[in-house]
Amino acid sequence: MNVVQLDARYWKTPPDFYNALLRELGAPDWHGESIPALIDSMIVGDINAVVLPLRVVVTGLDKASEAAFDELIKAFSALSRYGAMANITFDRASLKIAENVSPFLDGRT
């Protein structure tokens, strides 16, 4: 399983969350900073250098701004709707995506 580790201590804005995650995923420069773009690249795949299965571990959330923390919650929750498993506390978060999540896209809009 590929593991991506993020330190949220200095995240002030939602783009700080996206920049850190996309950099560690090896996303291309043209990757969008949005939840639908994350679903496309992390669930559908074939976009990022880091491939499934994947675990994202975030520490330092208690130091991140409320806006950045809220964006992480929204993004991880959205990814969970497609088969990812998220765990979020006040200071840490993790997201686990198995190789076989693509069937969860059937019938989703």
C-alpha atoms as a PDB file:
ATOM      1  CA  MET A   1       0.000   0.000   0.000  1.00  0.00           C
ATOM      2  CA  ASN A   2       1.274   3.451  -0.929  1.00  0.00           C
ATOM      3  CA  VAL A   3       1.342   5.893   2.001  1.00  0.00           C
ATOM      4  CA  VAL A   4       1.204   9.669   1.683  1.00  0.00           C
ATOM      5  CA  GLN A   5       1.951  11.688   4.816  1.00  0.00           C
ATOM      6  CA  LEU A   6       0.866  15.307   5.216  1.00  0.00           C
ATOM      7  CA  ASP A   7       1.599  17.858   7.943  1.00  0.00           C
ATOM      8  CA  ALA A   8      -1.318  20.289   8.325  1.00  0.00           C
ATOM      9  CA  ARG A   9       0.270  22.563  10.930  1.00  0.00           C
ATOM     10  CA  TYR A  10       0.776  25.433   8.491  1.00  0.00           C
ATOM     11  CA  TRP A  11      -2.390  25.134   6.410  1.00  0.00           C
ATOM     12  CA  LYS A  12      -4.156  28.500   6.424  1.00  0.00           C
ATOM     13  CA  THR A  13      -6.494  28.115   3.443  1.00  0.00           C
ATOM     14  CA  PRO A  14      -8.206  25.315   1.497  1.00  0.00           C
ATOM     15  CA  PRO A  15      -5.636  25.684  -1.314  1.00  0.00           C
ATOM     16  CA  ASP A  16      -2.924  24.817   1.255  1.00  0.00           C
ATOM     17  CA  PHE A  17      -4.672  21.465   1.768  1.00  0.00           C
ATOM     18  CA  TYR A  18      -4.970  20.815  -1.975  1.00  0.00           C
ATOM     19  CA  ASN A  19      -1.385  21.903  -2.710  1.00  0.00           C
ATOM     20  CA  ALA A  20       0.041  19.585  -0.052  1.00  0.00           C
ATOM     21  CA  LEU A  21      -2.092  16.603  -1.066  1.00  0.00           C
ATOM     22  CA  LEU A  22      -1.625  17.019  -4.811  1.00  0.00           C
ATOM     23  CA  ARG A  23       2.145  17.486  -4.464  1.00  0.00           C
ATOM     24  CA  GLU A  24       2.476  14.255  -2.445  1.00  0.00           C
ATOM     25  CA  LEU A  25       0.192  12.358  -4.847  1.00  0.00           C
ATOM     26  CA  GLY A  26       2.384  13.397  -7.765  1.00  0.00           C
ATOM     27  CA  ALA A  27      -0.560  15.068  -9.460  1.00  0.00           C
ATOM     28  CA  PRO A  28       0.043  16.830 -12.777  1.00  0.00           C
ATOM     29  CA  ASP A  29       0.272  20.635 -12.835  1.00  0.00           C
ATOM     30  CA  TRP A  30      -3.128  20.906 -14.518  1.00  0.00           C
ATOM     31  CA  HIS A  31      -4.930  19.014 -11.705  1.00  0.00           C
ATOM     32  CA  GLY A  32      -7.835  21.028 -10.312  1.00  0.00           C
ATOM     33  CA  GLU A  33      -8.139  22.067  -6.688  1.00  0.00           C
ATOM     34  CA  SER A  34     -11.626  20.724  -6.071  1.00  0.00           C
ATOM     35  CA  ILE A  35     -13.413  17.725  -4.653  1.00  0.00           C
ATOM     36  CA  PRO A  36     -14.617  16.476  -8.070  1.00  0.00           C
ATOM     37  CA  ALA A  37     -11.022  16.634  -9.317  1.00  0.00           C
ATOM     38  CA  LEU A  38      -9.857  14.578  -6.313  1.00  0.00           C
ATOM     39  CA  ILE A  39     -12.551  11.989  -6.990  1.00  0.00           C
ATOM     40  CA  ASP A  40     -11.424  11.757 -10.615  1.00  0.00           C
ATOM     41  CA  SER A  41      -7.758  11.329  -9.775  1.00  0.00           C
ATOM     42  CA  MET A  42      -7.912   9.343  -6.539  1.00  0.00           C
ATOM     43  CA  ILE A  43     -10.877   7.054  -7.248  1.00  0.00           C
ATOM     44  CA  VAL A  44     -11.025   6.785 -11.044  1.00  0.00           C
ATOM     45  CA  GLY A  45      -7.224   6.937 -11.248  1.00  0.00           C
ATOM     46  CA  ASP A  46      -4.617   7.009 -14.011  1.00  0.00           C
ATOM     47  CA  ILE A  47      -3.773  10.639 -13.266  1.00  0.00           C
ATOM     48  CA  ASN A  48      -1.443  10.777 -10.236  1.00  0.00           C
ATOM     49  CA  ALA A  49       2.007   9.239  -9.857  1.00  0.00           C
ATOM     50  CA  VAL A  50       0.944   7.571  -6.591  1.00  0.00           C
ATOM     51  CA  VAL A  51      -1.510   4.789  -7.376  1.00  0.00           C
ATOM     52  CA  LEU A  52      -3.960   2.638  -5.435  1.00  0.00           C
ATOM     53  CA  PRO A  53      -4.026   1.094  -2.937  1.00  0.00           C
ATOM     54  CA  LEU A  54      -3.395   4.311  -1.027  1.00  0.00           C
ATOM     55  CA  ARG A  55      -3.411   5.586   2.505  1.00  0.00           C
ATOM     56  CA  VAL A  56      -3.246   9.301   3.280  1.00  0.00           C
ATOM     57  CA  VAL A  57      -2.184  10.201   6.824  1.00  0.00           C
ATOM     58  CA  VAL A  58      -2.568  13.797   8.014  1.00  0.00           C
ATOM     59  CA  THR A  59      -1.108  15.075  11.277  1.00  0.00           C
ATOM     60  CA  GLY A  60      -1.174  18.515  12.874  1.00  0.00           C
ATOM     61  CA  LEU A  61      -4.840  19.208  12.108  1.00  0.00           C
ATOM     62  CA  ASP A  62      -5.237  20.910  15.482  1.00  0.00           C
ATOM     63  CA  LYS A  63      -2.877  23.631  14.181  1.00  0.00           C
ATOM     64  CA  ALA A  64      -4.545  24.036  10.760  1.00  0.00           C
ATOM     65  CA  SER A  65      -7.013  26.845  10.137  1.00  0.00           C
ATOM     66  CA  GLU A  66     -10.709  26.080  10.400  1.00  0.00           C
ATOM     67  CA  ALA A  67     -11.163  26.674   6.657  1.00  0.00           C
ATOM     68  CA  ALA A  68      -8.424  24.186   5.716  1.00  0.00           C
ATOM     69  CA  PHE A  69      -9.685  21.613   8.242  1.00  0.00           C
ATOM     70  CA  ASP A  70     -13.244  21.975   6.922  1.00  0.00           C
ATOM     71  CA  GLU A  71     -12.075  21.443   3.329  1.00  0.00           C
ATOM     72  CA  LEU A  72     -10.264  18.252   4.332  1.00  0.00           C
ATOM     73  CA  ILE A  73     -13.436  17.006   6.049  1.00  0.00           C
ATOM     74  CA  LYS A  74     -15.535  17.756   2.951  1.00  0.00           C
ATOM     75  CA  ALA A  75     -13.009  16.112   0.613  1.00  0.00           C
ATOM     76  CA  PHE A  76     -12.486  12.976   2.718  1.00  0.00           C
ATOM     77  CA  SER A  77     -16.250  12.640   3.242  1.00  0.00           C
ATOM     78  CA  ALA A  78     -16.877  12.915  -0.501  1.00  0.00           C
ATOM     79  CA  LEU A  79     -14.206  10.303  -1.242  1.00  0.00           C
ATOM     80  CA  SER A  80     -15.847   8.047   1.344  1.00  0.00           C
ATOM     81  CA  ARG A  81     -19.020   8.047  -0.714  1.00  0.00           C
ATOM     82  CA  TYR A  82     -17.016   6.232  -3.392  1.00  0.00           C
ATOM     83  CA  GLY A  83     -15.535   3.539  -1.199  1.00  0.00           C
ATOM     84  CA  ALA A  84     -12.673   5.251   0.635  1.00  0.00           C
ATOM     85  CA  MET A  85     -12.496   4.806   4.405  1.00  0.00           C
ATOM     86  CA  ALA A  86     -11.922   8.022   6.353  1.00  0.00           C
ATOM     87  CA  ASN A  87     -11.081   8.591  10.002  1.00  0.00           C
ATOM     88  CA  ILE A  88     -10.898  12.182  11.230  1.00  0.00           C
ATOM     89  CA  THR A  89     -10.197  13.490  14.744  1.00  0.00           C
ATOM     90  CA  PHE A  90      -9.288  16.931  16.034  1.00  0.00           C
ATOM     91  CA  ASP A  91      -5.582  16.467  15.325  1.00  0.00           C
ATOM     92  CA  ARG A  92      -5.252  13.607  12.779  1.00  0.00           C
ATOM     93  CA  ALA A  93      -6.957  12.160   9.769  1.00  0.00           C
ATOM     94  CA  SER A  94      -6.471   9.140   7.600  1.00  0.00           C
ATOM     95  CA  LEU A  95      -7.988   8.026   4.338  1.00  0.00           C
ATOM     96  CA  LYS A  96      -7.635   4.532   2.941  1.00  0.00           C
ATOM     97  CA  ILE A  97      -8.518   3.703  -0.664  1.00  0.00           C
ATOM     98  CA  ALA A  98      -8.341   0.105  -1.864  1.00  0.00           C
ATOM     99  CA  GLU A  99      -7.546  -0.917  -5.435  1.00  0.00           C
ATOM    100  CA  ASN A 100     -11.066  -2.054  -6.131  1.00  0.00           C
ATOM    101  CA  VAL A 101     -13.061   1.115  -5.415  1.00  0.00           C
ATOM    102  CA  SER A 102     -14.012   1.828  -9.030  1.00  0.00           C
ATOM    103  CA  PRO A 103     -17.145  -0.384  -8.874  1.00  0.00           C
ATOM    104  CA  PHE A 104     -18.503   2.109  -6.331  1.00  0.00           C
ATOM    105  CA  LEU A 105     -18.797   4.619  -9.179  1.00  0.00           C
ATOM    106  CA  ASP A 106     -21.558   2.583 -10.845  1.00  0.00           C
ATOM    107  CA  GLY A 107     -24.797   4.540 -10.695  1.00  0.00           C
ATOM    108  CA  ARG A 108     -23.278   7.578  -8.952  1.00  0.00           C
ATOM    109  CA  THR A 109     -24.007  11.064 -10.218  1.00  0.00           C
END
